[in-house]
Amino acid sequence: MKYDKYLRHYEDKDWRAFKQMVQRMYGPRYIFTNKRFVDWQHRHNGSPSSLCLIDFAGELKGVLGSIPLNLNFLGRDLSAWCYANIRVDPELRRVGLGVALIEFGRTPGKLVYGMGHSDEMTSVYRNLGWRSDIRLNRYLKVLNTANVERLKTVDAPLTAERKPVENGFSQNSCTQVHAFDEDMDDFWLAVRDKYPITINRYSTYLNWRYADHPMIPYKIFVHRAPDGSIQGYVVVRIEDSSGYRIARIIDFVSSDDSELPLLQHVTAYGERNDVDLVDFFFSGDFHVSSLLSAGFVKNDAAGHETIPMLFNPIDRTRKTVNFAYSLPTEELRLQGDAPYKWYVTKGDGDIDRPY
């Protein structure tokens, strides 16, 4: 490729110039100015840096953040990349450098996906042959009707339950934990066929992603059977922004019988902690029946369609989360080019950012 000489991977010596580039492109408070976060996201599990750079004679002009992951792809393990950030200096756009960066960031033949990108990037991905017409579902449950009513710009009434929610499981079967133990590995092997294409949720990955996050104190709830075996888990982040308190379900994997109890537990937790609403972004039709049974509604339901998805600050212009993937071989395309087979949540990329 004609731009190869300008593309390379990030090294430790680049930090000062990298931070200056990020401040110029994104602003002084953007999370990529935090070295602890950058090292956590792009050097986890001892891997070399997965940040890719555009370097013009020592001047950094673009970045692609890619996260190495392991997928359950229809029952087999498959290494993949999640694209997290891509930005090119304005004077170098529309000359092919962004596309070159996207291609450089991927090992030939490796599956890649991304989420939360702009509509402009959706068009770029489509032109590269990606499947890029996917939007994540959003389901919500309003707990504080009076407060959430102030967010609406339509007259339709909200669906809400303010009364305390009864848990649908025996006492102490759902508990908060601070890390995932080896029982999680047994659970994942037992349940992963339910989720045809998704990140392999072994304890090592889950602890890196949630328990050991350097900035976000996630709440992790695990549901166990009477014999002590894990039957499901849910990861929640509590967000206080613009005068509202939101419980974000960031990850949720469960056996069929534990779906509703876990959702009821999150709702009860929200009630006890003065949460205004709970929401959950995901692909496919996973968990929908249990979400509806637990009192959640889709975000396009009457009265809910104008509730913002971003609260820090409140932003009414962005209403959806884009999702795209690239399957590099004919075999993978024949097997996996079906969005309903994919299960991704906000936790499967880097779009869960309250900072």
Protein backbone atom coordinates (compact mmCIF):
# COMPACT_ATOMS: atom_id res chain seq x y z
CA MET A 1 0.00 0.00 0.00
CA LYS A 2 1.22 3.48 -0.84
CA TYR A 3 0.78 4.73 2.74
CA ASP A 4 2.48 1.86 4.55
CA LYS A 5 5.60 3.90 5.32
CA TYR A 6 3.49 6.29 7.41
CA LEU A 7 1.76 3.61 9.50
CA ARG A 8 3.15 1.94 12.59
CA HIS A 9 2.25 0.74 16.09
CA TYR A 10 2.47 2.89 19.19
CA GLU A 11 5.54 2.57 21.41
CA ASP A 12 6.20 3.82 24.94
CA LYS A 13 8.44 6.60 23.64
CA ASP A 14 5.43 8.03 21.77
CA TRP A 15 3.44 8.94 24.86
CA ARG A 16 4.17 12.66 24.94
CA ALA A 17 3.53 13.18 21.23
CA PHE A 18 0.53 10.84 21.37
CA LYS A 19 -1.06 12.80 24.21
CA GLN A 20 -0.52 16.07 22.35
CA MET A 21 -2.18 14.61 19.24
CA VAL A 22 -5.16 13.38 21.26
CA GLN A 23 -5.60 16.78 22.92
CA ARG A 24 -5.51 18.45 19.52
CA MET A 25 -7.98 16.04 17.91
CA TYR A 26 -10.38 15.25 20.75
CA GLY A 27 -9.88 17.93 23.39
CA PRO A 28 -7.87 18.22 26.62
CA ARG A 29 -10.14 15.99 28.75
CA TYR A 30 -10.52 13.05 26.38
CA ILE A 31 -9.88 9.67 28.01
CA PHE A 32 -6.92 8.85 25.74
CA THR A 33 -4.93 11.50 27.61
CA ASN A 34 -4.95 9.12 30.59
CA LYS A 35 -1.97 6.77 30.22
CA ARG A 36 -3.32 4.33 32.79
CA PHE A 37 -6.47 3.86 30.73
CA VAL A 38 -4.61 3.59 27.43
CA ASP A 39 -2.27 0.93 28.81
CA TRP A 40 -5.19 -0.97 30.34
CA GLN A 41 -7.22 -1.02 27.13
CA HIS A 42 -4.47 -1.55 24.60
CA ARG A 43 -1.96 -3.67 26.46
CA HIS A 44 -4.13 -6.07 28.42
CA ASN A 45 -3.01 -9.59 29.18
CA GLY A 46 0.60 -8.67 28.42
CA SER A 47 -0.06 -8.02 24.73
CA PRO A 48 1.98 -5.49 22.74
CA SER A 49 0.29 -2.18 22.03
CA SER A 50 -2.71 -2.43 19.72
CA LEU A 51 -2.73 1.30 18.96
CA CYS A 52 -1.89 2.15 15.36
CA LEU A 53 -0.54 5.53 14.32
CA ILE A 54 -0.06 7.74 11.29
CA ASP A 55 3.46 9.14 11.62
CA PHE A 56 4.73 11.86 9.28
CA ALA A 57 8.40 12.29 10.08
CA GLY A 58 7.80 12.20 13.81
CA GLU A 59 4.51 14.13 13.74
CA LEU A 60 1.55 11.97 14.75
CA LYS A 61 -1.43 12.65 12.50
CA GLY A 62 -3.88 9.83 13.18
CA VAL A 63 -4.78 6.97 15.48
CA LEU A 64 -6.66 3.71 15.38
CA GLY A 65 -7.35 1.93 18.65
CA SER A 66 -7.97 -1.79 18.29
CA ILE A 67 -8.65 -4.21 21.12
CA PRO A 68 -7.59 -7.87 20.76
CA LEU A 69 -10.37 -10.24 21.77
CA ASN A 70 -11.40 -13.88 21.57
CA LEU A 71 -14.82 -14.75 20.14
CA ASN A 72 -17.12 -17.66 20.49
CA PHE A 73 -17.90 -18.04 16.79
CA LEU A 74 -20.59 -20.69 16.45
CA GLY A 75 -18.89 -22.96 18.96
CA ARG A 76 -15.25 -22.40 18.09
CA ASP A 77 -12.76 -19.91 19.47
CA LEU A 78 -11.72 -17.21 17.04
CA SER A 79 -9.34 -14.33 17.64
CA ALA A 80 -10.65 -10.93 16.57
CA TRP A 81 -10.18 -7.19 16.84
CA CYS A 82 -12.61 -4.58 18.12
CA TYR A 83 -11.94 -1.15 16.62
CA ALA A 84 -12.26 1.43 19.36
CA ASN A 85 -11.12 4.82 18.03
CA ILE A 86 -10.18 6.13 14.63
CA ARG A 87 -9.30 9.73 13.90
CA VAL A 88 -7.19 11.41 11.20
CA ASP A 89 -6.10 15.05 11.17
CA PRO A 90 -8.51 17.09 9.00
CA GLU A 91 -5.86 18.08 6.44
CA LEU A 92 -5.18 14.40 5.71
CA ARG A 93 -8.75 13.24 5.32
CA ARG A 94 -10.29 12.10 2.04
CA VAL A 95 -6.95 10.96 0.64
CA GLY A 96 -7.23 7.35 1.76
CA LEU A 97 -5.17 7.48 4.95
CA GLY A 98 -8.13 6.56 7.16
CA VAL A 99 -8.86 3.51 5.04
CA ALA A 100 -5.18 2.60 5.06
CA LEU A 101 -5.17 2.86 8.86
CA ILE A 102 -8.21 0.59 9.12
CA GLU A 103 -6.58 -2.02 6.94
CA PHE A 104 -3.21 -1.70 8.69
CA GLY A 105 -4.81 -2.34 12.07
CA ARG A 106 -6.04 -5.75 11.06
CA THR A 107 -3.98 -8.91 10.67
CA PRO A 108 -4.84 -10.36 7.25
CA GLY A 109 -7.78 -12.73 7.48
CA LYS A 110 -8.81 -11.63 10.99
CA LEU A 111 -12.40 -10.82 11.95
CA VAL A 112 -12.98 -7.21 13.02
CA TYR A 113 -15.96 -5.38 14.48
CA GLY A 114 -16.70 -1.94 15.81
CA MET A 115 -19.50 -0.03 17.51
CA GLY A 116 -20.45 3.48 18.47
CA HIS A 117 -18.89 4.99 15.35
CA SER A 118 -20.27 7.94 13.40
CA ASP A 119 -22.53 7.72 10.38
CA GLU A 120 -19.55 8.85 8.31
CA MET A 121 -17.56 5.83 9.49
CA THR A 122 -20.56 3.61 8.80
CA SER A 123 -20.29 4.67 5.15
CA VAL A 124 -16.54 4.02 5.14
CA TYR A 125 -17.05 0.53 6.55
CA ARG A 126 -19.78 -0.20 4.01
CA ASN A 127 -17.48 0.83 1.15
CA LEU A 128 -14.85 -1.56 2.51
CA GLY A 129 -17.33 -4.44 2.36
CA TRP A 130 -18.27 -4.53 6.05
CA ARG A 131 -21.77 -5.27 7.28
CA SER A 132 -22.55 -1.83 8.66
CA ASP A 133 -26.33 -1.42 8.71
CA ILE A 134 -26.86 -2.65 12.29
CA ARG A 135 -28.15 -0.65 15.26
CA LEU A 136 -28.14 -1.93 18.82
CA ASN A 137 -31.47 -2.32 20.59
CA ARG A 138 -32.15 -0.17 23.60
CA TYR A 139 -34.60 -1.29 26.28
CA LEU A 140 -35.53 0.93 29.23
CA LYS A 141 -37.38 0.74 32.50
CA VAL A 142 -38.49 3.98 34.15
CA LEU A 143 -38.40 3.87 37.94
CA ASN A 144 -38.96 7.52 38.79
CA THR A 145 -41.76 8.74 36.54
CA ALA A 146 -41.90 12.29 37.87
CA ASN A 147 -38.21 12.91 37.24
CA VAL A 148 -38.01 11.20 33.83
CA GLU A 149 -41.13 13.05 32.62
CA ARG A 150 -38.97 16.18 32.56
CA LEU A 151 -36.81 14.58 29.87
CA LYS A 152 -39.62 13.98 27.42
CA THR A 153 -40.52 16.14 24.45
CA VAL A 154 -43.77 14.27 23.67
CA ASP A 155 -47.08 13.97 25.54
CA ALA A 156 -47.47 10.17 25.57
CA PRO A 157 -47.39 8.70 29.10
CA LEU A 158 -44.47 6.64 30.36
CA THR A 159 -44.67 3.00 31.35
CA ALA A 160 -43.37 2.89 34.90
CA GLU A 161 -43.50 0.95 38.15
CA ARG A 162 -42.61 2.95 41.23
CA LYS A 163 -43.60 0.30 43.78
CA PRO A 164 -40.83 -1.97 45.14
CA VAL A 165 -40.19 -4.99 42.95
CA GLU A 166 -40.42 -8.49 44.35
CA ASN A 167 -37.40 -10.63 43.60
CA GLY A 168 -38.25 -13.79 41.71
CA PHE A 169 -35.67 -15.99 43.40
CA SER A 170 -34.80 -17.31 46.82
CA GLN A 171 -33.07 -15.06 49.32
CA ASN A 172 -29.30 -14.69 48.89
CA SER A 173 -29.22 -16.51 45.52
CA CYS A 174 -28.23 -13.27 43.77
CA THR A 175 -25.25 -11.51 45.28
CA GLN A 176 -22.80 -8.78 44.42
CA VAL A 177 -19.22 -9.93 43.79
CA HIS A 178 -16.03 -7.99 43.21
CA ALA A 179 -14.42 -10.45 40.79
CA PHE A 180 -15.21 -13.57 38.79
CA ASP A 181 -13.83 -16.90 40.00
CA GLU A 182 -13.23 -20.16 38.15
CA ASP A 183 -16.90 -21.12 38.50
CA MET A 184 -17.53 -18.52 35.81
CA ASP A 185 -15.53 -20.59 33.31
CA ASP A 186 -17.75 -23.62 33.92
CA PHE A 187 -20.86 -21.45 33.54
CA TRP A 188 -19.65 -19.92 30.30
CA LEU A 189 -18.92 -23.32 28.76
CA ALA A 190 -22.41 -24.45 29.75
CA VAL A 191 -24.24 -21.41 28.36
CA ARG A 192 -22.22 -20.16 25.40
CA ASP A 193 -24.20 -22.06 22.76
CA LYS A 194 -27.06 -19.69 23.59
CA TYR A 195 -24.97 -16.82 22.21
CA PRO A 196 -23.76 -17.97 18.75
CA ILE A 197 -21.31 -15.12 18.07
CA THR A 198 -19.99 -13.10 20.98
CA ILE A 199 -16.90 -12.50 23.10
CA ASN A 200 -15.83 -15.53 25.09
CA ARG A 201 -16.76 -14.56 28.62
CA TYR A 202 -14.22 -16.50 30.63
CA SER A 203 -13.22 -15.18 34.04
CA THR A 204 -9.90 -13.79 32.78
CA TYR A 205 -11.61 -11.56 30.24
CA LEU A 206 -14.44 -10.51 32.57
CA ASN A 207 -12.07 -9.58 35.38
CA TRP A 208 -9.95 -7.50 33.00
CA ARG A 209 -12.98 -5.80 31.51
CA TYR A 210 -15.02 -5.09 34.66
CA ALA A 211 -13.40 -6.03 37.97
CA ASP A 212 -10.00 -4.50 37.11
CA HIS A 213 -11.17 -1.46 35.17
CA PRO A 214 -8.89 1.42 36.19
CA MET A 215 -11.61 4.07 36.31
CA ILE A 216 -15.15 2.65 36.54
CA PRO A 217 -16.53 0.94 39.67
CA TYR A 218 -18.86 -1.57 38.01
CA LYS A 219 -21.46 -3.45 40.05
CA ILE A 220 -21.33 -7.19 39.35
CA PHE A 221 -24.27 -9.38 40.36
CA VAL A 222 -24.16 -13.17 40.09
CA HIS A 223 -27.11 -15.55 40.36
CA ARG A 224 -26.38 -19.02 41.73
CA ALA A 225 -28.42 -22.22 41.86
CA PRO A 226 -29.01 -23.97 45.22
CA ASP A 227 -25.92 -26.10 44.56
CA GLY A 228 -23.80 -22.94 44.27
CA SER A 229 -23.23 -23.09 40.50
CA ILE A 230 -23.44 -19.83 38.58
CA GLN A 231 -26.58 -19.45 36.49
CA GLY A 232 -26.07 -15.92 35.23
CA TYR A 233 -24.54 -12.53 35.86
CA VAL A 234 -25.25 -8.89 35.11
CA VAL A 235 -22.86 -5.93 35.16
CA VAL A 236 -24.26 -2.50 36.00
CA ARG A 237 -22.84 0.99 36.10
CA ILE A 238 -24.60 3.74 38.06
CA GLU A 239 -24.36 7.09 36.31
CA ASP A 240 -25.16 10.42 37.98
CA SER A 241 -25.41 13.07 35.29
CA SER A 242 -27.37 16.28 34.69
CA GLY A 243 -29.55 15.74 37.75
CA TYR A 244 -30.48 12.17 36.86
CA ARG A 245 -29.39 8.78 38.13
CA ILE A 246 -29.27 6.01 35.51
CA ALA A 247 -28.47 2.34 35.96
CA ARG A 248 -26.76 1.13 32.80
CA ILE A 249 -26.81 -2.62 32.21
CA ILE A 250 -23.45 -3.05 30.50
CA ASP A 251 -23.27 -6.83 30.23
CA PHE A 252 -25.80 -9.58 30.82
CA VAL A 253 -25.38 -13.33 30.25
CA SER A 254 -27.70 -15.88 31.76
CA SER A 255 -29.33 -19.27 31.56
CA ASP A 256 -32.96 -19.00 30.50
CA ASP A 257 -34.35 -19.50 34.01
CA SER A 258 -32.14 -16.81 35.55
CA GLU A 259 -32.83 -14.00 33.07
CA LEU A 260 -35.93 -12.64 34.78
CA PRO A 261 -34.61 -12.97 38.36
CA LEU A 262 -31.46 -11.05 37.44
CA LEU A 263 -33.44 -8.28 35.76
CA GLN A 264 -35.74 -8.09 38.77
CA HIS A 265 -32.70 -7.86 41.02
CA VAL A 266 -31.28 -4.95 39.01
CA THR A 267 -34.65 -3.19 39.20
CA ALA A 268 -34.91 -3.74 42.95
CA TYR A 269 -31.33 -2.49 43.35
CA GLY A 270 -32.26 0.60 41.36
CA GLU A 271 -35.31 1.21 43.54
CA ARG A 272 -33.22 1.04 46.70
CA ASN A 273 -30.64 3.43 45.26
CA ASP A 274 -32.94 6.14 43.90
CA VAL A 275 -32.32 5.31 40.24
CA ASP A 276 -34.52 7.17 37.75
CA LEU A 277 -34.29 4.69 34.90
CA VAL A 278 -32.50 1.52 33.81
CA ASP A 279 -31.37 0.90 30.24
CA PHE A 280 -29.65 -1.83 28.25
CA PHE A 281 -28.08 -1.78 24.75
CA PHE A 282 -27.53 -5.06 22.88
CA SER A 283 -27.77 -6.71 19.48
CA GLY A 284 -30.06 -9.53 18.35
CA ASP A 285 -33.23 -10.60 20.13
CA PHE A 286 -31.56 -12.08 23.21
CA HIS A 287 -33.38 -11.71 26.56
CA VAL A 288 -36.27 -9.76 25.01
CA SER A 289 -39.05 -11.88 26.51
CA SER A 290 -37.57 -11.54 30.00
CA LEU A 291 -36.97 -7.81 29.54
CA LEU A 292 -40.64 -7.32 28.68
CA SER A 293 -41.73 -9.49 31.59
CA ALA A 294 -39.56 -7.37 33.90
CA GLY A 295 -41.31 -4.20 32.76
CA PHE A 296 -38.76 -2.92 30.22
CA VAL A 297 -39.91 -1.38 26.95
CA LYS A 298 -38.08 -0.66 23.72
CA ASN A 299 -36.90 2.90 23.36
CA ASP A 300 -39.23 3.57 20.42
CA ALA A 301 -42.31 2.85 22.56
CA ALA A 302 -44.78 5.70 22.95
CA GLY A 303 -43.52 8.19 25.50
CA HIS A 304 -39.99 6.79 25.55
CA GLU A 305 -38.65 7.73 22.13
CA THR A 306 -37.32 11.12 23.27
CA ILE A 307 -35.53 9.91 26.40
CA PRO A 308 -31.86 10.69 25.67
CA MET A 309 -29.25 7.96 25.56
CA LEU A 310 -26.44 10.35 26.58
CA PHE A 311 -26.61 12.30 29.84
CA ASN A 312 -23.09 13.65 30.34
CA PRO A 313 -24.11 16.15 29.07
CA ILE A 314 -27.64 15.49 27.80
CA ASP A 315 -27.46 15.00 24.03
CA ARG A 316 -30.65 14.52 22.01
CA THR A 317 -28.94 14.30 18.62
CA ARG A 318 -27.53 10.79 19.06
CA LYS A 319 -30.29 8.21 19.33
CA THR A 320 -28.67 4.91 18.35
CA VAL A 321 -25.45 2.92 18.65
CA ASN A 322 -24.01 1.70 15.36
CA PHE A 323 -22.52 -1.76 15.03
CA ALA A 324 -20.49 -3.15 12.11
CA TYR A 325 -18.36 -6.19 11.39
CA SER A 326 -16.03 -7.54 8.71
CA LEU A 327 -15.84 -11.26 8.00
CA PRO A 328 -12.67 -11.72 5.94
CA THR A 329 -13.23 -15.17 4.42
CA GLU A 330 -16.03 -16.78 2.46
CA GLU A 331 -16.36 -19.46 5.13
CA LEU A 332 -16.91 -16.90 7.88
CA ARG A 333 -19.34 -14.91 5.74
CA LEU A 334 -21.45 -17.98 5.00
CA GLN A 335 -21.61 -18.87 8.69
CA GLY A 336 -21.69 -15.54 10.46
CA ASP A 337 -23.15 -12.85 8.22
CA ALA A 338 -26.43 -12.79 10.15
CA PRO A 339 -26.85 -9.98 12.69
CA TYR A 340 -29.35 -11.99 14.74
CA LYS A 341 -26.54 -14.44 15.60
CA TRP A 342 -24.39 -11.69 17.12
CA TYR A 343 -24.67 -10.78 20.79
CA VAL A 344 -22.81 -7.59 21.67
CA THR A 345 -23.46 -5.15 24.50
CA LYS A 346 -21.93 -1.79 25.37
CA GLY A 347 -19.30 -3.69 27.33
CA ASP A 348 -18.02 -5.43 24.20
CA GLY A 349 -16.44 -2.26 22.86
CA ASP A 350 -15.20 0.95 24.44
CA ILE A 351 -18.38 3.01 24.25
CA ASP A 352 -19.29 2.75 27.93
CA ARG A 353 -17.62 6.00 28.92
CA PRO A 354 -19.08 8.08 31.74
CA TYR A 355 -15.98 10.29 31.94
